[in-house]
Amino acid sequence: VKACEFLPRLISGHSPIRIQLEAPEDLQGPYRWRLNPHLLTREEFMGEIKSAIQEFFQFNQSAPSSPDVIWEAFKAMIWGKIIAFSSASKKAFRQQMVGLEQELRGAETELYKNNSEENRERVATLQHDLNELSSSKAERALLRTRSRFYARGDKAGKLLAWQLRREEADRLIPSSRLPDDTTSFAPEAINGAFQSYYSPLYSTQKHEGSMLSFLDGIEILTVSGEMGERLGAPLSLLEIREVVDSLQSGSLP
C-alpha cells in the first residue's frame, strides 16, 4: 500500500476510501483503441468531425494519389481527430471532478466548523454536481459493456446498480422555489412545496348539484330478475369441471 486517503462524501453519508497499491509486475495487456460511442451523442464532437471530413476531401478531392492512399490517409486523420477530442474531453472531465472534489472537501470542513443553512446548501449543491458527473461516467461505462449488461439480465450487479443510480439522479429535484420567493435545497421544504401545490389540484370538489345532474343524464343499465337469479345461483358440478379442464397443465384452480 503506497497511499490511503478519505474522499469527500459524494452520494451516501459515508466517506469513500482511496487506496493506492503497487503491483509486483506490470499486468497491463496490449492497448487496443476503441471508439467511445458516447461521443456520437455530443453535438460539438459531431460538428468538429463533420468539418474535418469536409476540409479533408476539399483539399484531397483531385489529388494525384490513388483512392486507396487517400482512404488510408483519411482514416489516419479522422482517427487523430477523435483521439485528440477524446483526450481533451477526458482531461476537462478529470479537472472538473478534481475541482468539485476539492470544493466539496473545503465545504465539508466549513460545515463542520459552522453548521449553518448556507454551508449545508453549498455542500448539497456540490454533491449534486458530482453525482451528475459520476452518473455520466457510469453511463459511458454501460455503453462500453452493453453486451455484458444484457447477458446478465435482471440479476443484481454493478451494472444494474449504475442504471438505477442514473434513473435516481434523473428524478432528483435538488431545489425548489418556495411561496415566499426563496430557493430552498432542504428535502423537507421541497416536499412541502410540492404538497401545497398539488393538494388543491387533487382534492375532491364536492358539488352535489353538478354530480346529480351528471348522473341524471346517464342511462344506467340494470340487471333483470331472471339474470339476477342466474348470477346468484350456486355453481354446478359440470361448470366446475369445464373450468378445471380449461386450465393450463400444472396450474391449480
C-alpha atoms as a PDB file:
ATOM      1  CA  VAL A   1       0.000   0.000   0.000  1.00  0.00           C
ATOM      2  CA  LYS A   2       1.560   3.273  -1.152  1.00  0.00           C
ATOM      3  CA  ALA A   3      -1.143   5.740  -0.120  1.00  0.00           C
ATOM      4  CA  CYS A   4      -4.533   5.853   1.573  1.00  0.00           C
ATOM      5  CA  GLU A   5      -6.915   8.809   1.924  1.00  0.00           C
ATOM      6  CA  PHE A   6     -10.526   9.638   2.705  1.00  0.00           C
ATOM      7  CA  LEU A   7     -12.539  11.183  -0.149  1.00  0.00           C
ATOM      8  CA  PRO A   8     -15.490  13.595   0.108  1.00  0.00           C
ATOM      9  CA  ARG A   9     -18.983  12.200   0.651  1.00  0.00           C
ATOM     10  CA  LEU A  10     -20.419  12.298  -2.879  1.00  0.00           C
ATOM     11  CA  ILE A  11     -23.521  10.102  -2.657  1.00  0.00           C
ATOM     12  CA  SER A  12     -24.097   8.462   0.718  1.00  0.00           C
ATOM     13  CA  GLY A  13     -23.331   9.571   4.245  1.00  0.00           C
ATOM     14  CA  HIS A  14     -20.071   7.606   4.314  1.00  0.00           C
ATOM     15  CA  SER A  15     -16.714   8.841   3.060  1.00  0.00           C
ATOM     16  CA  PRO A  16     -15.136   6.563   0.431  1.00  0.00           C
ATOM     17  CA  ILE A  17     -11.526   5.466   0.875  1.00  0.00           C
ATOM     18  CA  ARG A  18      -8.949   5.565  -1.913  1.00  0.00           C
ATOM     19  CA  ILE A  19      -6.064   3.094  -1.620  1.00  0.00           C
ATOM     20  CA  GLN A  20      -3.086   3.109  -3.984  1.00  0.00           C
ATOM     21  CA  LEU A  21      -1.414  -0.282  -4.389  1.00  0.00           C
ATOM     22  CA  GLU A  22       1.865  -1.177  -6.039  1.00  0.00           C
ATOM     23  CA  ALA A  23       1.691  -4.396  -8.059  1.00  0.00           C
ATOM     24  CA  PRO A  24       4.774  -6.600  -8.220  1.00  0.00           C
ATOM     25  CA  GLU A  25       4.772  -6.612 -12.012  1.00  0.00           C
ATOM     26  CA  ASP A  26       3.104  -4.876 -14.927  1.00  0.00           C
ATOM     27  CA  LEU A  27      -0.086  -6.804 -15.646  1.00  0.00           C
ATOM     28  CA  GLN A  28      -1.436  -4.408 -18.289  1.00  0.00           C
ATOM     29  CA  GLY A  29      -2.119  -6.075 -21.620  1.00  0.00           C
ATOM     30  CA  PRO A  30      -1.688  -4.621 -25.101  1.00  0.00           C
ATOM     31  CA  TYR A  31      -3.648  -1.408 -25.670  1.00  0.00           C
ATOM     32  CA  ARG A  32      -6.456  -1.581 -28.210  1.00  0.00           C
ATOM     33  CA  TRP A  33      -8.172   1.640 -29.159  1.00  0.00           C
ATOM     34  CA  ARG A  34     -11.972   1.665 -29.297  1.00  0.00           C
ATOM     35  CA  LEU A  35     -14.334   4.428 -30.315  1.00  0.00           C
ATOM     36  CA  ASN A  36     -16.269   5.819 -27.394  1.00  0.00           C
ATOM     37  CA  PRO A  37     -19.934   5.627 -28.553  1.00  0.00           C
ATOM     38  CA  HIS A  38     -20.876   8.357 -26.072  1.00  0.00           C
ATOM     39  CA  LEU A  39     -19.029  10.875 -28.268  1.00  0.00           C
ATOM     40  CA  LEU A  40     -21.606  10.336 -31.015  1.00  0.00           C
ATOM     41  CA  THR A  41     -24.253  11.906 -28.764  1.00  0.00           C
ATOM     42  CA  ARG A  42     -22.315  15.178 -28.374  1.00  0.00           C
ATOM     43  CA  GLU A  43     -23.131  17.911 -30.862  1.00  0.00           C
ATOM     44  CA  GLU A  44     -19.731  19.626 -30.597  1.00  0.00           C
ATOM     45  CA  PHE A  45     -17.957  16.366 -31.457  1.00  0.00           C
ATOM     46  CA  MET A  46     -20.187  15.674 -34.461  1.00  0.00           C
ATOM     47  CA  GLY A  47     -19.724  19.242 -35.716  1.00  0.00           C
ATOM     48  CA  GLU A  48     -15.931  19.077 -35.422  1.00  0.00           C
ATOM     49  CA  ILE A  49     -15.729  15.703 -37.181  1.00  0.00           C
ATOM     50  CA  LYS A  50     -18.044  16.893 -39.957  1.00  0.00           C
ATOM     51  CA  SER A  51     -15.890  19.973 -40.543  1.00  0.00           C
ATOM     52  CA  ALA A  52     -12.718  17.836 -40.576  1.00  0.00           C
ATOM     53  CA  ILE A  53     -14.194  15.443 -43.165  1.00  0.00           C
ATOM     54  CA  GLN A  54     -15.337  18.274 -45.426  1.00  0.00           C
ATOM     55  CA  GLU A  55     -11.972  20.014 -45.169  1.00  0.00           C
ATOM     56  CA  PHE A  56     -10.011  16.822 -45.919  1.00  0.00           C
ATOM     57  CA  PHE A  57     -11.909  15.916 -49.076  1.00  0.00           C
ATOM     58  CA  GLN A  58     -11.952  19.541 -50.188  1.00  0.00           C
ATOM     59  CA  PHE A  59      -8.140  19.549 -50.403  1.00  0.00           C
ATOM     60  CA  ASN A  60      -7.708  15.921 -51.497  1.00  0.00           C
ATOM     61  CA  GLN A  61     -10.548  15.519 -53.989  1.00  0.00           C
ATOM     62  CA  SER A  62      -8.381  15.935 -57.107  1.00  0.00           C
ATOM     63  CA  ALA A  63      -5.107  14.656 -55.650  1.00  0.00           C
ATOM     64  CA  PRO A  64      -2.828  12.548 -57.876  1.00  0.00           C
ATOM     65  CA  SER A  65      -2.729   9.768 -55.270  1.00  0.00           C
ATOM     66  CA  SER A  66      -4.781   6.608 -55.642  1.00  0.00           C
ATOM     67  CA  PRO A  67      -8.104   6.202 -53.810  1.00  0.00           C
ATOM     68  CA  ASP A  68      -6.519   3.603 -51.515  1.00  0.00           C
ATOM     69  CA  VAL A  69      -3.865   6.055 -50.346  1.00  0.00           C
ATOM     70  CA  ILE A  70      -6.454   8.807 -49.850  1.00  0.00           C
ATOM     71  CA  TRP A  71      -8.651   6.438 -47.861  1.00  0.00           C
ATOM     72  CA  GLU A  72      -5.800   5.356 -45.581  1.00  0.00           C
ATOM     73  CA  ALA A  73      -4.772   8.989 -45.073  1.00  0.00           C
ATOM     74  CA  PHE A  74      -8.365   9.896 -44.259  1.00  0.00           C
ATOM     75  CA  LYS A  75      -8.626   7.133 -41.655  1.00  0.00           C
ATOM     76  CA  ALA A  76      -5.383   8.275 -40.024  1.00  0.00           C
ATOM     77  CA  MET A  77      -6.576  11.897 -39.983  1.00  0.00           C
ATOM     78  CA  ILE A  78     -10.016  11.137 -38.550  1.00  0.00           C
ATOM     79  CA  TRP A  79      -8.500   8.771 -36.002  1.00  0.00           C
ATOM     80  CA  GLY A  80      -6.185  11.511 -34.791  1.00  0.00           C
ATOM     81  CA  LYS A  81      -9.084  13.987 -34.563  1.00  0.00           C
ATOM     82  CA  ILE A  82     -11.156  11.561 -32.493  1.00  0.00           C
ATOM     83  CA  ILE A  83      -8.270  10.745 -30.151  1.00  0.00           C
ATOM     84  CA  ALA A  84      -7.443  14.439 -29.688  1.00  0.00           C
ATOM     85  CA  PHE A  85     -11.061  15.343 -28.910  1.00  0.00           C
ATOM     86  CA  SER A  86     -11.462  12.361 -26.578  1.00  0.00           C
ATOM     87  CA  SER A  87      -8.237  13.184 -24.713  1.00  0.00           C
ATOM     88  CA  ALA A  88      -9.249  16.828 -24.294  1.00  0.00           C
ATOM     89  CA  SER A  89     -12.699  15.790 -23.033  1.00  0.00           C
ATOM     90  CA  LYS A  90     -11.235  13.331 -20.523  1.00  0.00           C
ATOM     91  CA  LYS A  91      -8.772  15.947 -19.287  1.00  0.00           C
ATOM     92  CA  ALA A  92     -11.521  18.548 -18.854  1.00  0.00           C
ATOM     93  CA  PHE A  93     -13.729  15.964 -17.120  1.00  0.00           C
ATOM     94  CA  ARG A  94     -10.965  14.999 -14.685  1.00  0.00           C
ATOM     95  CA  GLN A  95     -10.181  18.647 -13.950  1.00  0.00           C
ATOM     96  CA  GLN A  96     -13.846  19.330 -13.277  1.00  0.00           C
ATOM     97  CA  MET A  97     -14.125  16.300 -10.985  1.00  0.00           C
ATOM     98  CA  VAL A  98     -10.966  17.223  -9.072  1.00  0.00           C
ATOM     99  CA  GLY A  99     -12.095  20.837  -8.749  1.00  0.00           C
ATOM    100  CA  LEU A 100     -15.521  19.856  -7.420  1.00  0.00           C
ATOM    101  CA  GLU A 101     -13.990  17.338  -5.008  1.00  0.00           C
ATOM    102  CA  GLN A 102     -11.647  19.991  -3.641  1.00  0.00           C
ATOM    103  CA  GLU A 103     -14.529  22.443  -3.284  1.00  0.00           C
ATOM    104  CA  LEU A 104     -16.624  19.776  -1.558  1.00  0.00           C
ATOM    105  CA  ARG A 105     -13.777  18.925   0.811  1.00  0.00           C
ATOM    106  CA  GLY A 106     -13.464  22.592   1.742  1.00  0.00           C
ATOM    107  CA  ALA A 107     -17.242  22.977   2.055  1.00  0.00           C
ATOM    108  CA  GLU A 108     -17.447  19.964   4.381  1.00  0.00           C
ATOM    109  CA  THR A 109     -14.678  21.429   6.521  1.00  0.00           C
ATOM    110  CA  GLU A 110     -16.585  24.714   6.775  1.00  0.00           C
ATOM    111  CA  LEU A 111     -19.762  22.780   7.592  1.00  0.00           C
ATOM    112  CA  TYR A 112     -18.023  21.010  10.470  1.00  0.00           C
ATOM    113  CA  LYS A 113     -16.907  24.388  11.815  1.00  0.00           C
ATOM    114  CA  ASN A 114     -20.202  26.202  11.242  1.00  0.00           C
ATOM    115  CA  ASN A 115     -23.376  24.154  10.727  1.00  0.00           C
ATOM    116  CA  SER A 116     -25.302  26.934   9.002  1.00  0.00           C
ATOM    117  CA  GLU A 117     -28.017  26.744   6.341  1.00  0.00           C
ATOM    118  CA  GLU A 118     -25.748  28.365   3.762  1.00  0.00           C
ATOM    119  CA  ASN A 119     -22.989  25.800   4.296  1.00  0.00           C
ATOM    120  CA  ARG A 120     -25.463  22.913   4.118  1.00  0.00           C
ATOM    121  CA  GLU A 121     -26.886  24.204   0.846  1.00  0.00           C
ATOM    122  CA  ARG A 122     -23.385  24.600  -0.609  1.00  0.00           C
ATOM    123  CA  VAL A 123     -22.479  21.015   0.323  1.00  0.00           C
ATOM    124  CA  ALA A 124     -25.759  19.717  -1.156  1.00  0.00           C
ATOM    125  CA  THR A 125     -25.172  21.617  -4.416  1.00  0.00           C
ATOM    126  CA  LEU A 126     -21.618  20.302  -4.793  1.00  0.00           C
ATOM    127  CA  GLN A 127     -22.768  16.760  -4.036  1.00  0.00           C
ATOM    128  CA  HIS A 128     -25.468  17.075  -6.700  1.00  0.00           C
ATOM    129  CA  ASP A 129     -22.971  18.307  -9.306  1.00  0.00           C
ATOM    130  CA  LEU A 130     -20.566  15.480  -8.505  1.00  0.00           C
ATOM    131  CA  ASN A 131     -23.433  12.997  -8.656  1.00  0.00           C
ATOM    132  CA  GLU A 132     -24.312  14.147 -12.170  1.00  0.00           C
ATOM    133  CA  LEU A 133     -20.701  13.765 -13.323  1.00  0.00           C
ATOM    134  CA  SER A 134     -20.466  10.307 -11.764  1.00  0.00           C
ATOM    135  CA  SER A 135     -23.727   9.302 -13.447  1.00  0.00           C
ATOM    136  CA  SER A 136     -22.436  10.382 -16.861  1.00  0.00           C
ATOM    137  CA  LYS A 137     -19.277   8.352 -16.240  1.00  0.00           C
ATOM    138  CA  ALA A 138     -21.409   5.335 -15.343  1.00  0.00           C
ATOM    139  CA  GLU A 139     -23.488   5.841 -18.487  1.00  0.00           C
ATOM    140  CA  ARG A 140     -20.353   5.682 -20.637  1.00  0.00           C
ATOM    141  CA  ALA A 141     -19.323   2.503 -18.838  1.00  0.00           C
ATOM    142  CA  LEU A 142     -22.728   0.970 -19.590  1.00  0.00           C
ATOM    143  CA  LEU A 143     -22.367   1.797 -23.275  1.00  0.00           C
ATOM    144  CA  ARG A 144     -18.999   0.028 -23.388  1.00  0.00           C
ATOM    145  CA  THR A 145     -20.338  -3.072 -21.615  1.00  0.00           C
ATOM    146  CA  ARG A 146     -23.805  -3.240 -23.137  1.00  0.00           C
ATOM    147  CA  SER A 147     -23.414  -6.841 -24.310  1.00  0.00           C
ATOM    148  CA  ARG A 148     -22.497  -7.987 -20.796  1.00  0.00           C
ATOM    149  CA  PHE A 149     -25.362  -5.927 -19.384  1.00  0.00           C
ATOM    150  CA  TYR A 150     -27.991  -7.725 -21.466  1.00  0.00           C
ATOM    151  CA  ALA A 151     -26.330 -11.089 -20.856  1.00  0.00           C
ATOM    152  CA  ARG A 152     -26.717 -10.622 -17.099  1.00  0.00           C
ATOM    153  CA  GLY A 153     -30.415  -9.838 -17.496  1.00  0.00           C
ATOM    154  CA  ASP A 154     -32.226  -8.848 -14.316  1.00  0.00           C
ATOM    155  CA  LYS A 155     -29.559 -10.271 -11.990  1.00  0.00           C
ATOM    156  CA  ALA A 156     -28.265  -7.923  -9.330  1.00  0.00           C
ATOM    157  CA  GLY A 157     -24.848  -6.464 -10.065  1.00  0.00           C
ATOM    158  CA  LYS A 158     -22.828  -3.309 -10.548  1.00  0.00           C
ATOM    159  CA  LEU A 159     -24.265  -2.577 -13.994  1.00  0.00           C
ATOM    160  CA  LEU A 160     -27.837  -2.699 -12.738  1.00  0.00           C
ATOM    161  CA  ALA A 161     -26.837  -0.537  -9.784  1.00  0.00           C
ATOM    162  CA  TRP A 162     -25.302   2.058 -12.130  1.00  0.00           C
ATOM    163  CA  GLN A 163     -28.510   2.164 -14.191  1.00  0.00           C
ATOM    164  CA  LEU A 164     -30.708   2.569 -11.121  1.00  0.00           C
ATOM    165  CA  ARG A 165     -28.405   5.278  -9.854  1.00  0.00           C
ATOM    166  CA  ARG A 166     -28.714   7.126 -13.160  1.00  0.00           C
ATOM    167  CA  GLU A 167     -32.523   6.918 -13.039  1.00  0.00           C
ATOM    168  CA  GLU A 168     -32.494   8.183  -9.461  1.00  0.00           C
ATOM    169  CA  ALA A 169     -30.297  11.114 -10.463  1.00  0.00           C
ATOM    170  CA  ASP A 170     -32.680  11.999 -13.310  1.00  0.00           C
ATOM    171  CA  ARG A 171     -35.629  12.119 -10.892  1.00  0.00           C
ATOM    172  CA  LEU A 172     -33.785  14.130  -8.254  1.00  0.00           C
ATOM    173  CA  ILE A 173     -35.137  17.623  -7.567  1.00  0.00           C
ATOM    174  CA  PRO A 174     -32.215  19.489  -5.965  1.00  0.00           C
ATOM    175  CA  SER A 175     -34.033  22.734  -5.185  1.00  0.00           C
ATOM    176  CA  SER A 176     -37.458  24.370  -5.245  1.00  0.00           C
ATOM    177  CA  ARG A 177     -38.797  27.913  -5.126  1.00  0.00           C
ATOM    178  CA  LEU A 178     -40.945  28.451  -2.044  1.00  0.00           C
ATOM    179  CA  PRO A 179     -44.084  30.647  -1.825  1.00  0.00           C
ATOM    180  CA  ASP A 180     -42.020  33.451  -0.247  1.00  0.00           C
ATOM    181  CA  ASP A 181     -39.916  33.595  -3.473  1.00  0.00           C
ATOM    182  CA  THR A 182     -36.860  31.990  -1.863  1.00  0.00           C
ATOM    183  CA  THR A 183     -34.994  28.926  -3.105  1.00  0.00           C
ATOM    184  CA  SER A 184     -34.514  26.017  -0.706  1.00  0.00           C
ATOM    185  CA  PHE A 185     -32.341  22.902  -1.011  1.00  0.00           C
ATOM    186  CA  ALA A 186     -33.801  21.126   2.031  1.00  0.00           C
ATOM    187  CA  PRO A 187     -35.758  17.934   1.145  1.00  0.00           C
ATOM    188  CA  GLU A 188     -38.465  18.710   3.723  1.00  0.00           C
ATOM    189  CA  ALA A 189     -39.089  22.164   2.252  1.00  0.00           C
ATOM    190  CA  ILE A 190     -39.134  20.774  -1.312  1.00  0.00           C
ATOM    191  CA  ASN A 191     -41.675  18.083  -0.371  1.00  0.00           C
ATOM    192  CA  GLY A 192     -43.790  20.658   1.435  1.00  0.00           C
ATOM    193  CA  ALA A 193     -43.797  22.969  -1.592  1.00  0.00           C
ATOM    194  CA  PHE A 194     -44.950  20.160  -3.887  1.00  0.00           C
ATOM    195  CA  GLN A 195     -47.573  19.045  -1.397  1.00  0.00           C
ATOM    196  CA  SER A 196     -49.023  22.539  -1.010  1.00  0.00           C
ATOM    197  CA  TYR A 197     -49.139  22.940  -4.807  1.00  0.00           C
ATOM    198  CA  TYR A 198     -50.699  19.600  -5.764  1.00  0.00           C
ATOM    199  CA  SER A 199     -53.043  19.089  -2.793  1.00  0.00           C
ATOM    200  CA  PRO A 200     -55.703  21.563  -4.019  1.00  0.00           C
ATOM    201  CA  LEU A 201     -55.478  20.131  -7.538  1.00  0.00           C
ATOM    202  CA  TYR A 202     -56.181  16.545  -6.459  1.00  0.00           C
ATOM    203  CA  SER A 203     -58.602  17.233  -3.602  1.00  0.00           C
ATOM    204  CA  THR A 204     -62.225  16.198  -4.119  1.00  0.00           C
ATOM    205  CA  GLN A 205     -64.539  19.011  -5.200  1.00  0.00           C
ATOM    206  CA  LYS A 206     -67.921  18.359  -3.562  1.00  0.00           C
ATOM    207  CA  HIS A 207     -70.602  19.866  -5.778  1.00  0.00           C
ATOM    208  CA  GLU A 208     -73.652  17.651  -5.278  1.00  0.00           C
ATOM    209  CA  GLY A 209     -75.760  19.588  -7.758  1.00  0.00           C
ATOM    210  CA  SER A 210     -73.389  19.065 -10.666  1.00  0.00           C
ATOM    211  CA  MET A 211     -72.864  15.420  -9.671  1.00  0.00           C
ATOM    212  CA  LEU A 212     -76.602  14.693  -9.627  1.00  0.00           C
ATOM    213  CA  SER A 213     -77.197  16.476 -12.928  1.00  0.00           C
ATOM    214  CA  PHE A 214     -74.393  14.454 -14.491  1.00  0.00           C
ATOM    215  CA  LEU A 215     -75.773  11.148 -13.207  1.00  0.00           C
ATOM    216  CA  ASP A 216     -79.327  12.025 -14.273  1.00  0.00           C
ATOM    217  CA  GLY A 217     -78.174  12.319 -17.873  1.00  0.00           C
ATOM    218  CA  ILE A 218     -76.639   8.835 -17.917  1.00  0.00           C
ATOM    219  CA  GLU A 219     -78.682   5.727 -18.635  1.00  0.00           C
ATOM    220  CA  ILE A 220     -77.535   3.106 -16.138  1.00  0.00           C
ATOM    221  CA  LEU A 221     -78.385  -0.452 -17.132  1.00  0.00           C
ATOM    222  CA  THR A 222     -79.994  -2.728 -14.550  1.00  0.00           C
ATOM    223  CA  VAL A 223     -79.953  -6.496 -14.208  1.00  0.00           C
ATOM    224  CA  SER A 224     -83.271  -8.209 -14.804  1.00  0.00           C
ATOM    225  CA  GLY A 225     -84.773 -10.552 -12.240  1.00  0.00           C
ATOM    226  CA  GLU A 226     -84.081 -13.697 -14.263  1.00  0.00           C
ATOM    227  CA  MET A 227     -80.471 -12.678 -14.919  1.00  0.00           C
ATOM    228  CA  GLY A 228     -80.003 -11.872 -11.216  1.00  0.00           C
ATOM    229  CA  GLU A 229     -81.238 -15.324 -10.219  1.00  0.00           C
ATOM    230  CA  ARG A 230     -78.858 -16.984 -12.680  1.00  0.00           C
ATOM    231  CA  LEU A 231     -75.906 -14.956 -11.383  1.00  0.00           C
ATOM    232  CA  GLY A 232     -76.734 -15.769  -7.766  1.00  0.00           C
ATOM    233  CA  ALA A 233     -77.334 -19.475  -8.352  1.00  0.00           C
ATOM    234  CA  PRO A 234     -74.742 -21.943  -6.990  1.00  0.00           C
ATOM    235  CA  LEU A 235     -72.197 -23.417  -9.399  1.00  0.00           C
ATOM    236  CA  SER A 236     -72.975 -26.806 -10.854  1.00  0.00           C
ATOM    237  CA  LEU A 237     -70.522 -29.716 -10.963  1.00  0.00           C
ATOM    238  CA  LEU A 238     -70.424 -29.540 -14.775  1.00  0.00           C
ATOM    239  CA  GLU A 239     -69.380 -25.869 -14.732  1.00  0.00           C
ATOM    240  CA  ILE A 240     -66.590 -26.598 -12.249  1.00  0.00           C
ATOM    241  CA  ARG A 241     -65.262 -29.457 -14.404  1.00  0.00           C
ATOM    242  CA  GLU A 242     -65.276 -27.271 -17.518  1.00  0.00           C
ATOM    243  CA  VAL A 243     -63.248 -24.589 -15.735  1.00  0.00           C
ATOM    244  CA  VAL A 244     -60.739 -27.126 -14.383  1.00  0.00           C
ATOM    245  CA  ASP A 245     -60.300 -28.697 -17.830  1.00  0.00           C
ATOM    246  CA  SER A 246     -59.640 -25.276 -19.377  1.00  0.00           C
ATOM    247  CA  LEU A 247     -56.737 -24.541 -17.002  1.00  0.00           C
ATOM    248  CA  GLN A 248     -53.171 -24.913 -18.195  1.00  0.00           C
ATOM    249  CA  SER A 249     -51.243 -28.011 -17.231  1.00  0.00           C
ATOM    250  CA  GLY A 250     -49.607 -27.706 -13.815  1.00  0.00           C
ATOM    251  CA  SER A 251     -51.753 -24.791 -12.581  1.00  0.00           C
ATOM    252  CA  LEU A 252     -54.114 -25.006  -9.625  1.00  0.00           C
ATOM    253  CA  PRO A 253     -57.723 -23.754  -9.590  1.00  0.00           C
END
